[in-house]
Amino acid sequence: CERIRGRKATLDEIQTVHSEHHTLLYGTSPLNRQKLDSKKLLGPISQKMYAVLPCGGIGVDSDTAWNEMHSSSAVRMAVGCLVELAF
């Protein structure tokens, strides 16, 4: 067995499969998003599209929960760990 150290994926790694707009919108935290160029964040859609879930929470679609403060970090960690395993 070999222990692999986990890490967050870089935005460049995420952009290998997603657009810059999608990467900045969903791959950054609200605090980091404030530092970015608002034109890049607006992209082709001027607002984030969220769905109201049956439980009353919000999600990016009807079956995917989204936590504004933590989901982007969790996703980047999952992707970074997968990249480390693959390479």
C-alpha atoms as a PDB file:
ATOM      1  CA  CYS A   1       0.000   0.000   0.000  1.00  0.00           C
ATOM      2  CA  GLU A   2       1.079   3.533  -0.674  1.00  0.00           C
ATOM      3  CA  ARG A   3      -0.390   6.552   1.080  1.00  0.00           C
ATOM      4  CA  ILE A   4      -1.274   9.368  -1.302  1.00  0.00           C
ATOM      5  CA  ARG A   5      -1.537  12.895   0.064  1.00  0.00           C
ATOM      6  CA  GLY A   6      -4.821  14.597  -0.770  1.00  0.00           C
ATOM      7  CA  ARG A   7      -4.946  18.096  -2.205  1.00  0.00           C
ATOM      8  CA  LYS A   8      -7.337  20.573  -3.777  1.00  0.00           C
ATOM      9  CA  ALA A   9      -7.449  20.686  -7.561  1.00  0.00           C
ATOM     10  CA  THR A  10      -6.173  23.864  -9.152  1.00  0.00           C
ATOM     11  CA  LEU A  11      -8.548  26.013 -11.168  1.00  0.00           C
ATOM     12  CA  ASP A  12      -6.475  25.164 -14.254  1.00  0.00           C
ATOM     13  CA  GLU A  13      -7.093  21.451 -13.668  1.00  0.00           C
ATOM     14  CA  ILE A  14     -10.820  22.052 -13.357  1.00  0.00           C
ATOM     15  CA  GLN A  15     -10.773  24.095 -16.579  1.00  0.00           C
ATOM     16  CA  THR A  16      -9.548  21.056 -18.502  1.00  0.00           C
ATOM     17  CA  VAL A  17     -13.166  19.824 -18.415  1.00  0.00           C
ATOM     18  CA  HIS A  18     -15.223  22.939 -17.548  1.00  0.00           C
ATOM     19  CA  SER A  19     -15.464  26.465 -18.954  1.00  0.00           C
ATOM     20  CA  GLU A  20     -13.722  29.351 -17.209  1.00  0.00           C
ATOM     21  CA  HIS A  21     -17.119  30.761 -16.227  1.00  0.00           C
ATOM     22  CA  HIS A  22     -18.262  27.465 -14.664  1.00  0.00           C
ATOM     23  CA  THR A  23     -14.918  27.011 -12.905  1.00  0.00           C
ATOM     24  CA  LEU A  24     -14.982  30.478 -11.337  1.00  0.00           C
ATOM     25  CA  LEU A  25     -18.661  30.305 -10.411  1.00  0.00           C
ATOM     26  CA  TYR A  26     -18.641  26.866  -8.775  1.00  0.00           C
ATOM     27  CA  GLY A  27     -14.942  26.282  -8.010  1.00  0.00           C
ATOM     28  CA  THR A  28     -14.278  29.332  -5.834  1.00  0.00           C
ATOM     29  CA  SER A  29     -15.560  30.414  -2.439  1.00  0.00           C
ATOM     30  CA  PRO A  30     -17.707  33.547  -2.004  1.00  0.00           C
ATOM     31  CA  LEU A  31     -14.751  35.343  -0.383  1.00  0.00           C
ATOM     32  CA  ASN A  32     -12.391  34.544  -3.259  1.00  0.00           C
ATOM     33  CA  ARG A  33     -15.065  35.389  -5.824  1.00  0.00           C
ATOM     34  CA  GLN A  34     -15.129  38.995  -4.546  1.00  0.00           C
ATOM     35  CA  LYS A  35     -11.500  39.398  -5.683  1.00  0.00           C
ATOM     36  CA  LEU A  36     -12.214  38.269  -9.251  1.00  0.00           C
ATOM     37  CA  ASP A  37     -13.180  40.291 -12.296  1.00  0.00           C
ATOM     38  CA  SER A  38     -16.979  40.485 -12.244  1.00  0.00           C
ATOM     39  CA  LYS A  39     -17.094  40.240 -16.061  1.00  0.00           C
ATOM     40  CA  LYS A  40     -15.627  36.732 -15.877  1.00  0.00           C
ATOM     41  CA  LEU A  41     -18.169  35.714 -13.255  1.00  0.00           C
ATOM     42  CA  LEU A  42     -21.154  36.999 -15.190  1.00  0.00           C
ATOM     43  CA  GLY A  43     -20.287  35.056 -18.315  1.00  0.00           C
ATOM     44  CA  PRO A  44     -23.223  34.221 -20.584  1.00  0.00           C
ATOM     45  CA  ILE A  45     -25.612  33.998 -17.624  1.00  0.00           C
ATOM     46  CA  SER A  46     -25.924  36.994 -15.338  1.00  0.00           C
ATOM     47  CA  GLN A  47     -27.179  35.073 -12.294  1.00  0.00           C
ATOM     48  CA  LYS A  48     -26.446  31.740 -10.689  1.00  0.00           C
ATOM     49  CA  MET A  49     -29.234  29.312 -11.287  1.00  0.00           C
ATOM     50  CA  TYR A  50     -30.241  27.397  -8.184  1.00  0.00           C
ATOM     51  CA  ALA A  51     -33.156  25.071  -7.625  1.00  0.00           C
ATOM     52  CA  VAL A  52     -35.271  24.841  -4.484  1.00  0.00           C
ATOM     53  CA  LEU A  53     -35.053  21.295  -3.136  1.00  0.00           C
ATOM     54  CA  PRO A  54     -38.027  19.383  -1.672  1.00  0.00           C
ATOM     55  CA  CYS A  55     -36.498  19.842   1.804  1.00  0.00           C
ATOM     56  CA  GLY A  56     -36.545  23.634   1.341  1.00  0.00           C
ATOM     57  CA  GLY A  57     -32.780  23.946   0.793  1.00  0.00           C
ATOM     58  CA  ILE A  58     -31.045  25.085  -2.376  1.00  0.00           C
ATOM     59  CA  GLY A  59     -29.125  23.107  -4.968  1.00  0.00           C
ATOM     60  CA  VAL A  60     -27.563  23.540  -8.378  1.00  0.00           C
ATOM     61  CA  ASP A  61     -30.287  21.252  -9.713  1.00  0.00           C
ATOM     62  CA  SER A  62     -33.238  19.407  -8.186  1.00  0.00           C
ATOM     63  CA  ASP A  63     -31.175  16.584  -6.662  1.00  0.00           C
ATOM     64  CA  THR A  64     -27.816  18.201  -5.836  1.00  0.00           C
ATOM     65  CA  ALA A  65     -27.464  20.113  -2.558  1.00  0.00           C
ATOM     66  CA  TRP A  66     -25.132  23.148  -2.546  1.00  0.00           C
ATOM     67  CA  ASN A  67     -23.563  24.865   0.453  1.00  0.00           C
ATOM     68  CA  GLU A  68     -22.210  28.253  -0.614  1.00  0.00           C
ATOM     69  CA  MET A  69     -19.353  28.206   1.911  1.00  0.00           C
ATOM     70  CA  HIS A  70     -18.202  24.586   1.684  1.00  0.00           C
ATOM     71  CA  SER A  71     -19.291  22.808  -1.510  1.00  0.00           C
ATOM     72  CA  SER A  72     -16.646  24.358  -3.788  1.00  0.00           C
ATOM     73  CA  SER A  73     -13.865  23.379  -1.376  1.00  0.00           C
ATOM     74  CA  ALA A  74     -15.202  19.819  -1.032  1.00  0.00           C
ATOM     75  CA  VAL A  75     -15.466  19.446  -4.805  1.00  0.00           C
ATOM     76  CA  ARG A  76     -11.941  20.757  -5.385  1.00  0.00           C
ATOM     77  CA  MET A  77     -10.569  18.371  -2.743  1.00  0.00           C
ATOM     78  CA  ALA A  78     -12.347  15.403  -4.352  1.00  0.00           C
ATOM     79  CA  VAL A  79     -11.040  16.314  -7.818  1.00  0.00           C
ATOM     80  CA  GLY A  80      -7.511  16.938  -6.542  1.00  0.00           C
ATOM     81  CA  CYS A  81      -7.421  13.557  -4.785  1.00  0.00           C
ATOM     82  CA  LEU A  82      -8.635  11.841  -7.938  1.00  0.00           C
ATOM     83  CA  VAL A  83      -5.958  13.582 -10.020  1.00  0.00           C
ATOM     84  CA  GLU A  84      -3.294  12.427  -7.540  1.00  0.00           C
ATOM     85  CA  LEU A  85      -4.536   8.831  -7.783  1.00  0.00           C
ATOM     86  CA  ALA A  86      -4.648   8.919 -11.580  1.00  0.00           C
ATOM     87  CA  PHE A  87      -1.178  10.365 -12.071  1.00  0.00           C
END
